[in-house]
Amino acid sequence: MNFYGQELPVFKANLHTHTTLSDGKFSASEVITLYREAGYDVLAFTDHWQTNPVSSYDAQGMTLLSGIELHPGGPRNISWHFLALGVPEDFEPSREWQAQECADAILNAGANFFIAHPYWCALTSAEVLTIKGALGLEVYNTATRYVGRASNMQIWDECLDFGARYTAIAVDDVHAARDLFRGFTMVCAKDNSPESILAALQAGQFYASQKPLIHSLNYQNNIFTADFSACQEVLLVCNRPRKFPGTLVLDSEGPGTRPQTMTHLEVDLSNLPSGYYVRLQIQDSEGNYAWSNPIFPAAESAGQ
């Protein structure tokens, strides 16, 4: 994939996985087999409150990441869900940690974390922003679709509106068969070693998807371009409410308009003021989304 001028291989990842070590229905070996056979390259084990001995597992050719999901107490008697990736296998969490103390412990262990399914938790963007050090959040979580709270797009945008440079992943949060293969993250890394995958996640070199594929993303000389699989809705989401020329929505000429599809977008962002972000959001004919991480054009042009 051409990722903003870098030609990088892309690795399909599920970054939120539970096994029989906590509340999952599959053993570690079973879940590895399931994702390998489905064409995934990377699998993060993120059981509740405990790590997995991933170095001892038969990876079956996949890249396995050591992770953990932690639940310190939060506002209004709501528990946080911190999805930590890259923790040492001997990482020992404390259930006594306060929220920021827990976040700091993850970072001090050399790992990073995302805020898991904040809408499912009933957390607001203002509350999410009180946590320091998160890379971002889950924009889509398969396991939470059963209560109508799988999407976190609005919370993500509200955090971006307030200046948080959050990235976003899509995950299965797999506990059982019903959670399989609906949300994934495409990681653009130099190779599939755990170190490279984790470094790419930290650098924001990835996109999130339910099915559509993004083939290239570029921003050069104030021009944003993207190539992707055929989609019937193609948007640049921005904190300056406006329609960008060349974007596409259903029924753009009125009800009953014949659906169109696009595979390429090119938009001039030279008039976008400093402090604004844009992110690509596409939707295919089956209603599946993909999301790029935000860029900040004025800062990019200034070399920041």
C-alpha atoms as a PDB file:
ATOM      1  CA  MET A   1       0.000   0.000   0.000  1.00  0.00           C
ATOM      2  CA  ASN A   2       1.131   3.527  -0.716  1.00  0.00           C
ATOM      3  CA  PHE A   3       0.772   5.113   2.701  1.00  0.00           C
ATOM      4  CA  TYR A   4       1.521   8.820   2.354  1.00  0.00           C
ATOM      5  CA  GLY A   5       4.511   8.228   0.100  1.00  0.00           C
ATOM      6  CA  GLN A   6       5.740   5.004   1.683  1.00  0.00           C
ATOM      7  CA  GLU A   7       5.253   1.707  -0.122  1.00  0.00           C
ATOM      8  CA  LEU A   8       4.515  -0.699   2.712  1.00  0.00           C
ATOM      9  CA  PRO A   9       3.111  -4.210   3.015  1.00  0.00           C
ATOM     10  CA  VAL A  10      -0.249  -4.413   4.756  1.00  0.00           C
ATOM     11  CA  PHE A  11      -1.119  -6.904   7.492  1.00  0.00           C
ATOM     12  CA  LYS A  12      -4.704  -7.743   8.452  1.00  0.00           C
ATOM     13  CA  ALA A  13      -5.096  -7.725  12.223  1.00  0.00           C
ATOM     14  CA  ASN A  14      -7.634  -8.474  14.905  1.00  0.00           C
ATOM     15  CA  LEU A  15      -6.449  -6.500  17.908  1.00  0.00           C
ATOM     16  CA  HIS A  16      -9.067  -7.459  20.516  1.00  0.00           C
ATOM     17  CA  THR A  17      -9.339 -11.158  21.324  1.00  0.00           C
ATOM     18  CA  HIS A  18     -10.597 -13.133  24.314  1.00  0.00           C
ATOM     19  CA  THR A  19      -9.967 -16.805  25.019  1.00  0.00           C
ATOM     20  CA  THR A  20     -10.926 -19.362  27.639  1.00  0.00           C
ATOM     21  CA  LEU A  21      -8.277 -17.728  29.830  1.00  0.00           C
ATOM     22  CA  SER A  22     -10.970 -15.144  30.634  1.00  0.00           C
ATOM     23  CA  ASP A  23     -14.495 -15.033  29.181  1.00  0.00           C
ATOM     24  CA  GLY A  24     -13.926 -16.298  25.629  1.00  0.00           C
ATOM     25  CA  LYS A  25     -15.381 -19.508  24.218  1.00  0.00           C
ATOM     26  CA  PHE A  26     -12.304 -20.459  22.162  1.00  0.00           C
ATOM     27  CA  SER A  27      -8.947 -21.710  23.358  1.00  0.00           C
ATOM     28  CA  ALA A  28      -5.846 -19.892  22.169  1.00  0.00           C
ATOM     29  CA  SER A  29      -5.084 -22.560  19.568  1.00  0.00           C
ATOM     30  CA  GLU A  30      -8.672 -22.526  18.302  1.00  0.00           C
ATOM     31  CA  VAL A  31      -8.777 -18.774  17.855  1.00  0.00           C
ATOM     32  CA  ILE A  32      -5.394 -18.760  16.094  1.00  0.00           C
ATOM     33  CA  THR A  33      -6.659 -21.379  13.648  1.00  0.00           C
ATOM     34  CA  LEU A  34      -9.902 -19.483  13.024  1.00  0.00           C
ATOM     35  CA  TYR A  35      -8.169 -16.230  12.169  1.00  0.00           C
ATOM     36  CA  ARG A  36      -5.398 -17.844  10.150  1.00  0.00           C
ATOM     37  CA  GLU A  37      -7.936 -19.694   8.009  1.00  0.00           C
ATOM     38  CA  ALA A  38      -9.837 -16.427   7.509  1.00  0.00           C
ATOM     39  CA  GLY A  39      -6.731 -14.776   6.049  1.00  0.00           C
ATOM     40  CA  TYR A  40      -5.585 -12.688   8.985  1.00  0.00           C
ATOM     41  CA  ASP A  41      -1.903 -11.987   9.586  1.00  0.00           C
ATOM     42  CA  VAL A  42      -1.882 -10.589  13.133  1.00  0.00           C
ATOM     43  CA  LEU A  43      -3.755 -11.550  16.290  1.00  0.00           C
ATOM     44  CA  ALA A  44      -3.551  -9.726  19.620  1.00  0.00           C
ATOM     45  CA  PHE A  45      -4.497 -11.645  22.755  1.00  0.00           C
ATOM     46  CA  THR A  46      -6.258  -9.273  25.150  1.00  0.00           C
ATOM     47  CA  ASP A  47      -7.892 -11.297  27.895  1.00  0.00           C
ATOM     48  CA  HIS A  48      -9.323  -9.486  30.896  1.00  0.00           C
ATOM     49  CA  TRP A  49      -6.793  -8.689  33.626  1.00  0.00           C
ATOM     50  CA  GLN A  50      -4.233 -11.263  32.464  1.00  0.00           C
ATOM     51  CA  THR A  51      -1.738 -11.744  29.687  1.00  0.00           C
ATOM     52  CA  ASN A  52      -1.296 -14.830  27.537  1.00  0.00           C
ATOM     53  CA  PRO A  53       1.990 -16.721  27.103  1.00  0.00           C
ATOM     54  CA  VAL A  54       1.946 -15.929  23.388  1.00  0.00           C
ATOM     55  CA  SER A  55       5.616 -16.807  22.904  1.00  0.00           C
ATOM     56  CA  SER A  56       4.787 -20.417  23.766  1.00  0.00           C
ATOM     57  CA  TYR A  57       1.854 -20.701  21.339  1.00  0.00           C
ATOM     58  CA  ASP A  58       1.995 -22.315  17.908  1.00  0.00           C
ATOM     59  CA  ALA A  59       1.460 -19.163  15.866  1.00  0.00           C
ATOM     60  CA  GLN A  60       0.648 -21.135  12.693  1.00  0.00           C
ATOM     61  CA  GLY A  61       2.478 -18.512  10.653  1.00  0.00           C
ATOM     62  CA  MET A  62       0.682 -15.559  12.239  1.00  0.00           C
ATOM     63  CA  THR A  63       2.111 -12.694  14.260  1.00  0.00           C
ATOM     64  CA  LEU A  64       0.878 -12.879  17.845  1.00  0.00           C
ATOM     65  CA  LEU A  65       0.826  -9.815  20.081  1.00  0.00           C
ATOM     66  CA  SER A  66       0.813  -9.814  23.863  1.00  0.00           C
ATOM     67  CA  GLY A  67      -2.001  -7.654  25.161  1.00  0.00           C
ATOM     68  CA  ILE A  68      -4.455  -7.269  28.003  1.00  0.00           C
ATOM     69  CA  GLU A  69      -7.791  -5.551  28.684  1.00  0.00           C
ATOM     70  CA  LEU A  70      -7.946  -3.639  31.956  1.00  0.00           C
ATOM     71  CA  HIS A  71     -10.945  -2.157  33.741  1.00  0.00           C
ATOM     72  CA  PRO A  72     -10.117   0.520  36.283  1.00  0.00           C
ATOM     73  CA  GLY A  73     -12.991   2.412  37.826  1.00  0.00           C
ATOM     74  CA  GLY A  74     -14.342   5.370  35.924  1.00  0.00           C
ATOM     75  CA  PRO A  75     -16.916   8.152  36.156  1.00  0.00           C
ATOM     76  CA  ARG A  76     -20.516   7.518  37.178  1.00  0.00           C
ATOM     77  CA  ASN A  77     -19.599   4.030  38.440  1.00  0.00           C
ATOM     78  CA  ILE A  78     -18.625   2.991  34.900  1.00  0.00           C
ATOM     79  CA  SER A  79     -15.518   0.874  34.431  1.00  0.00           C
ATOM     80  CA  TRP A  80     -13.022   1.853  31.773  1.00  0.00           C
ATOM     81  CA  HIS A  81     -11.909  -0.683  29.198  1.00  0.00           C
ATOM     82  CA  PHE A  82      -8.257  -0.084  28.267  1.00  0.00           C
ATOM     83  CA  LEU A  83      -7.030  -2.252  25.393  1.00  0.00           C
ATOM     84  CA  ALA A  84      -3.278  -2.529  25.970  1.00  0.00           C
ATOM     85  CA  LEU A  85      -1.028  -3.866  23.200  1.00  0.00           C
ATOM     86  CA  GLY A  86       2.613  -4.855  23.505  1.00  0.00           C
ATOM     87  CA  VAL A  87       2.668  -5.526  27.237  1.00  0.00           C
ATOM     88  CA  PRO A  88       5.312  -7.953  28.523  1.00  0.00           C
ATOM     89  CA  GLU A  89       3.972 -11.440  29.104  1.00  0.00           C
ATOM     90  CA  ASP A  90       4.864 -11.111  32.795  1.00  0.00           C
ATOM     91  CA  PHE A  91       2.944  -7.834  33.170  1.00  0.00           C
ATOM     92  CA  GLU A  92       1.068  -7.903  36.481  1.00  0.00           C
ATOM     93  CA  PRO A  93      -1.821  -5.437  36.743  1.00  0.00           C
ATOM     94  CA  SER A  94      -3.389  -4.244  39.960  1.00  0.00           C
ATOM     95  CA  ARG A  95      -7.137  -4.051  40.385  1.00  0.00           C
ATOM     96  CA  GLU A  96      -6.507  -1.200  42.817  1.00  0.00           C
ATOM     97  CA  TRP A  97      -5.170   1.139  40.126  1.00  0.00           C
ATOM     98  CA  GLN A  98      -7.084   4.322  39.451  1.00  0.00           C
ATOM     99  CA  ALA A  99      -7.758   5.066  35.784  1.00  0.00           C
ATOM    100  CA  GLN A 100      -4.778   7.306  35.032  1.00  0.00           C
ATOM    101  CA  GLU A 101      -2.544   5.175  37.228  1.00  0.00           C
ATOM    102  CA  CYS A 102      -3.537   2.183  35.105  1.00  0.00           C
ATOM    103  CA  ALA A 103      -2.873   4.092  31.882  1.00  0.00           C
ATOM    104  CA  ASP A 104       0.541   5.167  33.154  1.00  0.00           C
ATOM    105  CA  ALA A 105       1.421   1.599  34.152  1.00  0.00           C
ATOM    106  CA  ILE A 106       0.698   0.421  30.612  1.00  0.00           C
ATOM    107  CA  LEU A 107       2.903   3.125  29.132  1.00  0.00           C
ATOM    108  CA  ASN A 108       5.669   2.534  31.681  1.00  0.00           C
ATOM    109  CA  ALA A 109       5.687  -1.135  30.662  1.00  0.00           C
ATOM    110  CA  GLY A 110       6.596  -0.081  27.118  1.00  0.00           C
ATOM    111  CA  ALA A 111       3.118  -0.722  25.720  1.00  0.00           C
ATOM    112  CA  ASN A 112       0.342   1.444  24.283  1.00  0.00           C
ATOM    113  CA  PHE A 113      -3.409   1.395  24.660  1.00  0.00           C
ATOM    114  CA  PHE A 114      -6.692   2.290  23.001  1.00  0.00           C
ATOM    115  CA  ILE A 115      -9.981   3.142  24.695  1.00  0.00           C
ATOM    116  CA  ALA A 116     -12.234   0.167  23.961  1.00  0.00           C
ATOM    117  CA  HIS A 117     -15.886   0.615  22.897  1.00  0.00           C
ATOM    118  CA  PRO A 118     -16.597   3.874  24.785  1.00  0.00           C
ATOM    119  CA  TYR A 119     -20.175   4.109  23.449  1.00  0.00           C
ATOM    120  CA  TRP A 120     -20.958   0.621  24.745  1.00  0.00           C
ATOM    121  CA  CYS A 121     -19.553   1.712  28.112  1.00  0.00           C
ATOM    122  CA  ALA A 122     -21.806   4.822  28.016  1.00  0.00           C
ATOM    123  CA  LEU A 123     -18.756   7.065  28.307  1.00  0.00           C
ATOM    124  CA  THR A 124     -18.821  10.531  26.775  1.00  0.00           C
ATOM    125  CA  SER A 125     -16.093  12.114  24.687  1.00  0.00           C
ATOM    126  CA  ALA A 126     -15.435  14.590  27.507  1.00  0.00           C
ATOM    127  CA  GLU A 127     -14.799  11.685  29.856  1.00  0.00           C
ATOM    128  CA  VAL A 128     -12.587   9.902  27.328  1.00  0.00           C
ATOM    129  CA  LEU A 129     -10.460  13.029  27.035  1.00  0.00           C
ATOM    130  CA  THR A 130      -9.621  12.930  30.747  1.00  0.00           C
ATOM    131  CA  ILE A 131      -7.402   9.888  30.131  1.00  0.00           C
ATOM    132  CA  LYS A 132      -3.884  10.853  29.120  1.00  0.00           C
ATOM    133  CA  GLY A 133      -1.681   8.697  26.923  1.00  0.00           C
ATOM    134  CA  ALA A 134      -4.194   6.757  24.817  1.00  0.00           C
ATOM    135  CA  LEU A 135      -3.338   6.285  21.152  1.00  0.00           C
ATOM    136  CA  GLY A 136      -7.015   6.473  20.297  1.00  0.00           C
ATOM    137  CA  LEU A 137     -10.141   4.363  20.462  1.00  0.00           C
ATOM    138  CA  GLU A 138     -12.100   1.614  18.771  1.00  0.00           C
ATOM    139  CA  VAL A 139     -14.210   3.134  16.004  1.00  0.00           C
ATOM    140  CA  TYR A 140     -15.992  -0.198  15.521  1.00  0.00           C
ATOM    141  CA  ASN A 141     -16.362  -3.182  17.844  1.00  0.00           C
ATOM    142  CA  THR A 142     -18.164  -6.279  16.564  1.00  0.00           C
ATOM    143  CA  ALA A 143     -19.110  -7.712  19.952  1.00  0.00           C
ATOM    144  CA  THR A 144     -21.074  -4.604  20.929  1.00  0.00           C
ATOM    145  CA  ARG A 145     -23.345  -4.602  17.876  1.00  0.00           C
ATOM    146  CA  TYR A 146     -25.940  -6.648  19.749  1.00  0.00           C
ATOM    147  CA  VAL A 147     -26.905  -3.655  21.851  1.00  0.00           C
ATOM    148  CA  GLY A 148     -26.696  -1.150  18.994  1.00  0.00           C
ATOM    149  CA  ARG A 149     -23.463   0.443  20.223  1.00  0.00           C
ATOM    150  CA  ALA A 150     -20.843  -0.937  17.847  1.00  0.00           C
ATOM    151  CA  SER A 151     -19.901   2.395  16.274  1.00  0.00           C
ATOM    152  CA  ASN A 152     -17.875   5.079  18.029  1.00  0.00           C
ATOM    153  CA  MET A 153     -17.574   7.501  15.107  1.00  0.00           C
ATOM    154  CA  GLN A 154     -19.206  10.445  16.851  1.00  0.00           C
ATOM    155  CA  ILE A 155     -17.133  10.055  20.014  1.00  0.00           C
ATOM    156  CA  TRP A 156     -13.984   9.854  17.875  1.00  0.00           C
ATOM    157  CA  ASP A 157     -14.866  13.043  16.009  1.00  0.00           C
ATOM    158  CA  GLU A 158     -15.748  14.886  19.193  1.00  0.00           C
ATOM    159  CA  CYS A 159     -12.361  13.970  20.652  1.00  0.00           C
ATOM    160  CA  LEU A 160     -10.681  15.181  17.463  1.00  0.00           C
ATOM    161  CA  ASP A 161     -12.750  18.375  17.604  1.00  0.00           C
ATOM    162  CA  PHE A 162     -11.225  19.074  21.021  1.00  0.00           C
ATOM    163  CA  GLY A 163      -7.705  18.599  19.686  1.00  0.00           C
ATOM    164  CA  ALA A 164      -6.925  14.993  20.606  1.00  0.00           C
ATOM    165  CA  ARG A 165      -4.962  13.441  17.755  1.00  0.00           C
ATOM    166  CA  TYR A 166      -6.623  10.074  18.169  1.00  0.00           C
ATOM    167  CA  THR A 167      -6.298   7.221  15.752  1.00  0.00           C
ATOM    168  CA  ALA A 168      -8.945   4.498  15.575  1.00  0.00           C
ATOM    169  CA  ILE A 169      -8.978   0.737  15.145  1.00  0.00           C
ATOM    170  CA  ALA A 170     -11.770  -1.674  14.202  1.00  0.00           C
ATOM    171  CA  VAL A 171     -11.902  -4.931  16.136  1.00  0.00           C
ATOM    172  CA  ASP A 172     -13.955  -8.053  16.686  1.00  0.00           C
ATOM    173  CA  ASP A 173     -13.572  -8.186  20.486  1.00  0.00           C
ATOM    174  CA  VAL A 174     -14.179 -11.862  19.858  1.00  0.00           C
ATOM    175  CA  HIS A 175     -15.717 -13.906  22.643  1.00  0.00           C
ATOM    176  CA  ALA A 176     -17.707 -16.421  20.567  1.00  0.00           C
ATOM    177  CA  ALA A 177     -18.475 -17.358  16.957  1.00  0.00           C
ATOM    178  CA  ARG A 178     -20.976 -14.543  16.534  1.00  0.00           C
ATOM    179  CA  ASP A 179     -18.152 -12.001  16.930  1.00  0.00           C
ATOM    180  CA  LEU A 180     -15.882 -13.312  14.181  1.00  0.00           C
ATOM    181  CA  PHE A 181     -14.493 -11.410  11.186  1.00  0.00           C
ATOM    182  CA  ARG A 182     -16.537  -8.187  11.099  1.00  0.00           C
ATOM    183  CA  GLY A 183     -14.048  -5.562  12.233  1.00  0.00           C
ATOM    184  CA  PHE A 184     -10.341  -5.489  11.421  1.00  0.00           C
ATOM    185  CA  THR A 185      -7.349  -3.186  11.240  1.00  0.00           C
ATOM    186  CA  MET A 186      -4.990  -3.068   8.259  1.00  0.00           C
ATOM    187  CA  VAL A 187      -1.510  -2.282   9.553  1.00  0.00           C
ATOM    188  CA  CYS A 188       1.079  -0.764   7.206  1.00  0.00           C
ATOM    189  CA  ALA A 189       4.415  -1.959   8.572  1.00  0.00           C
ATOM    190  CA  LYS A 190       7.828  -2.727   7.132  1.00  0.00           C
ATOM    191  CA  ASP A 191       7.447  -6.387   8.126  1.00  0.00           C
ATOM    192  CA  ASN A 192       5.242  -8.620  10.251  1.00  0.00           C
ATOM    193  CA  SER A 193       7.430  -8.810  13.341  1.00  0.00           C
ATOM    194  CA  PRO A 194       5.658  -7.849  16.577  1.00  0.00           C
ATOM    195  CA  GLU A 195       8.030  -4.922  16.953  1.00  0.00           C
ATOM    196  CA  SER A 196       7.186  -3.550  13.493  1.00  0.00           C
ATOM    197  CA  ILE A 197       3.452  -4.050  13.927  1.00  0.00           C
ATOM    198  CA  LEU A 198       3.458  -2.291  17.299  1.00  0.00           C
ATOM    199  CA  ALA A 199       5.612   0.541  15.958  1.00  0.00           C
ATOM    200  CA  ALA A 200       3.213   1.037  13.046  1.00  0.00           C
ATOM    201  CA  LEU A 201       0.245   1.159  15.411  1.00  0.00           C
ATOM    202  CA  GLN A 202       1.994   3.761  17.537  1.00  0.00           C
ATOM    203  CA  ALA A 203       2.791   5.802  14.424  1.00  0.00           C
ATOM    204  CA  GLY A 204      -0.789   5.650  13.122  1.00  0.00           C
ATOM    205  CA  GLN A 205       0.209   3.670  10.040  1.00  0.00           C
ATOM    206  CA  PHE A 206      -3.023   1.760   9.597  1.00  0.00           C
ATOM    207  CA  TYR A 207      -6.680   2.039   8.714  1.00  0.00           C
ATOM    208  CA  ALA A 208      -9.799   0.433  10.168  1.00  0.00           C
ATOM    209  CA  SER A 209     -12.408  -1.476   8.204  1.00  0.00           C
ATOM    210  CA  GLN A 210     -15.454  -3.694   8.192  1.00  0.00           C
ATOM    211  CA  LYS A 211     -14.788  -4.776   4.596  1.00  0.00           C
ATOM    212  CA  PRO A 212     -13.735  -2.007   2.139  1.00  0.00           C
ATOM    213  CA  LEU A 213     -10.041  -1.835   1.318  1.00  0.00           C
ATOM    214  CA  ILE A 214      -7.965   1.315   0.992  1.00  0.00           C
ATOM    215  CA  HIS A 215      -5.171   0.942  -1.550  1.00  0.00           C
ATOM    216  CA  SER A 216      -3.413   4.291  -1.212  1.00  0.00           C
ATOM    217  CA  LEU A 217      -3.490   7.477   0.838  1.00  0.00           C
ATOM    218  CA  ASN A 218      -1.509  10.578  -0.062  1.00  0.00           C
ATOM    219  CA  TYR A 219      -1.283  14.221   0.879  1.00  0.00           C
ATOM    220  CA  GLN A 220       1.115  16.338  -1.118  1.00  0.00           C
ATOM    221  CA  ASN A 221       1.103  19.985  -2.211  1.00  0.00           C
ATOM    222  CA  ASN A 222      -2.225  20.488  -0.416  1.00  0.00           C
ATOM    223  CA  ILE A 223      -3.879  17.707  -2.432  1.00  0.00           C
ATOM    224  CA  PHE A 224      -5.378  14.706  -0.641  1.00  0.00           C
ATOM    225  CA  THR A 225      -5.800  11.585  -2.774  1.00  0.00           C
ATOM    226  CA  ALA A 226      -7.061   8.116  -1.986  1.00  0.00           C
ATOM    227  CA  ASP A 227      -7.701   4.899  -3.899  1.00  0.00           C
ATOM    228  CA  PHE A 228      -9.993   2.210  -2.542  1.00  0.00           C
ATOM    229  CA  SER A 229     -12.357  -0.608  -3.407  1.00  0.00           C
ATOM    230  CA  ALA A 230     -15.683   0.412  -4.963  1.00  0.00           C
ATOM    231  CA  CYS A 231     -17.842   2.364  -2.506  1.00  0.00           C
ATOM    232  CA  GLN A 232     -21.136   4.207  -2.799  1.00  0.00           C
ATOM    233  CA  GLU A 233     -20.435   6.720  -0.039  1.00  0.00           C
ATOM    234  CA  VAL A 234     -17.101   8.538   0.017  1.00  0.00           C
ATOM    235  CA  LEU A 235     -16.617  11.334   2.532  1.00  0.00           C
ATOM    236  CA  LEU A 236     -13.917  13.507   3.991  1.00  0.00           C
ATOM    237  CA  VAL A 237     -15.053  14.041   7.561  1.00  0.00           C
ATOM    238  CA  CYS A 238     -13.829  17.322   9.015  1.00  0.00           C
ATOM    239  CA  ASN A 239     -14.386  19.556  12.024  1.00  0.00           C
ATOM    240  CA  ARG A 240     -15.243  22.377   9.647  1.00  0.00           C
ATOM    241  CA  PRO A 241     -18.687  21.299   8.445  1.00  0.00           C
ATOM    242  CA  ARG A 242     -18.565  21.508   4.691  1.00  0.00           C
ATOM    243  CA  LYS A 243     -18.982  19.355   1.635  1.00  0.00           C
ATOM    244  CA  PHE A 244     -15.724  18.756  -0.150  1.00  0.00           C
ATOM    245  CA  PRO A 245     -15.932  18.692  -3.967  1.00  0.00           C
ATOM    246  CA  GLY A 246     -15.783  15.203  -5.414  1.00  0.00           C
ATOM    247  CA  THR A 247     -17.213  13.345  -2.432  1.00  0.00           C
ATOM    248  CA  LEU A 248     -20.192  11.026  -2.846  1.00  0.00           C
ATOM    249  CA  VAL A 249     -23.353  10.162  -0.914  1.00  0.00           C
ATOM    250  CA  LEU A 250     -26.424   8.101  -1.756  1.00  0.00           C
ATOM    251  CA  ASP A 251     -29.286   9.891  -3.516  1.00  0.00           C
ATOM    252  CA  SER A 252     -27.047  12.881  -4.125  1.00  0.00           C
ATOM    253  CA  GLU A 253     -29.442  14.128  -6.823  1.00  0.00           C
ATOM    254  CA  GLY A 254     -32.576  13.305  -4.837  1.00  0.00           C
ATOM    255  CA  PRO A 255     -34.573  10.211  -3.842  1.00  0.00           C
ATOM    256  CA  GLY A 256     -34.344   7.346  -6.284  1.00  0.00           C
ATOM    257  CA  THR A 257     -31.074   8.466  -7.834  1.00  0.00           C
ATOM    258  CA  ARG A 258     -29.256   5.528  -9.353  1.00  0.00           C
ATOM    259  CA  PRO A 259     -26.454   4.487  -6.973  1.00  0.00           C
ATOM    260  CA  GLN A 260     -22.974   5.480  -8.048  1.00  0.00           C
ATOM    261  CA  THR A 261     -19.651   4.070  -6.946  1.00  0.00           C
ATOM    262  CA  MET A 262     -16.192   5.552  -6.652  1.00  0.00           C
ATOM    263  CA  THR A 263     -12.699   4.122  -6.339  1.00  0.00           C
ATOM    264  CA  HIS A 264     -10.655   7.338  -6.309  1.00  0.00           C
ATOM    265  CA  LEU A 265     -10.878  10.657  -4.499  1.00  0.00           C
ATOM    266  CA  GLU A 266      -8.837  13.802  -5.030  1.00  0.00           C
ATOM    267  CA  VAL A 267      -9.507  16.946  -2.992  1.00  0.00           C
ATOM    268  CA  ASP A 268      -7.682  20.275  -2.748  1.00  0.00           C
ATOM    269  CA  LEU A 269      -7.302  21.172   0.943  1.00  0.00           C
ATOM    270  CA  SER A 270      -5.305  24.363   0.487  1.00  0.00           C
ATOM    271  CA  ASN A 271      -8.120  26.507   1.908  1.00  0.00           C
ATOM    272  CA  LEU A 272      -8.527  24.458   5.071  1.00  0.00           C
ATOM    273  CA  PRO A 273      -7.461  26.625   8.034  1.00  0.00           C
ATOM    274  CA  SER A 274      -4.931  25.618  10.639  1.00  0.00           C
ATOM    275  CA  GLY A 275      -6.255  23.380  13.393  1.00  0.00           C
ATOM    276  CA  TYR A 276      -8.604  21.362  11.221  1.00  0.00           C
ATOM    277  CA  TYR A 277      -8.413  17.666  10.475  1.00  0.00           C
ATOM    278  CA  VAL A 278      -9.812  15.450   7.747  1.00  0.00           C
ATOM    279  CA  ARG A 279     -10.323  11.714   7.689  1.00  0.00           C
ATOM    280  CA  LEU A 280     -11.531   9.468   4.881  1.00  0.00           C
ATOM    281  CA  GLN A 281     -14.719   7.513   5.536  1.00  0.00           C
ATOM    282  CA  ILE A 282     -16.063   5.148   2.878  1.00  0.00           C
ATOM    283  CA  GLN A 283     -19.029   2.786   2.757  1.00  0.00           C
ATOM    284  CA  ASP A 284     -19.678  -0.033   0.296  1.00  0.00           C
ATOM    285  CA  SER A 285     -22.994  -1.196  -1.177  1.00  0.00           C
ATOM    286  CA  GLU A 286     -23.481  -3.626   1.723  1.00  0.00           C
ATOM    287  CA  GLY A 287     -23.220  -0.877   4.336  1.00  0.00           C
ATOM    288  CA  ASN A 288     -19.687  -1.732   5.469  1.00  0.00           C
ATOM    289  CA  TYR A 289     -17.372   1.116   6.424  1.00  0.00           C
ATOM    290  CA  ALA A 290     -13.660   1.798   6.328  1.00  0.00           C
ATOM    291  CA  TRP A 291     -11.943   4.697   8.063  1.00  0.00           C
ATOM    292  CA  SER A 292      -8.550   6.305   7.604  1.00  0.00           C
ATOM    293  CA  ASN A 293      -6.820   8.017  10.478  1.00  0.00           C
ATOM    294  CA  PRO A 294      -7.048  11.809  10.520  1.00  0.00           C
ATOM    295  CA  ILE A 295      -4.495  14.099   8.999  1.00  0.00           C
ATOM    296  CA  PHE A 296      -4.013  17.754   9.923  1.00  0.00           C
ATOM    297  CA  PRO A 297      -3.308  19.452   6.589  1.00  0.00           C
ATOM    298  CA  ALA A 298      -2.019  22.808   7.815  1.00  0.00           C
ATOM    299  CA  ALA A 299       0.366  21.091  10.220  1.00  0.00           C
ATOM    300  CA  GLU A 300       1.429  18.599   7.546  1.00  0.00           C
ATOM    301  CA  SER A 301       2.176  21.410   5.101  1.00  0.00           C
ATOM    302  CA  ALA A 302       4.214  23.192   7.773  1.00  0.00           C
ATOM    303  CA  GLY A 303       6.185  20.022   8.464  1.00  0.00           C
ATOM    304  CA  GLN A 304       4.835  19.601  12.002  1.00  0.00           C
END
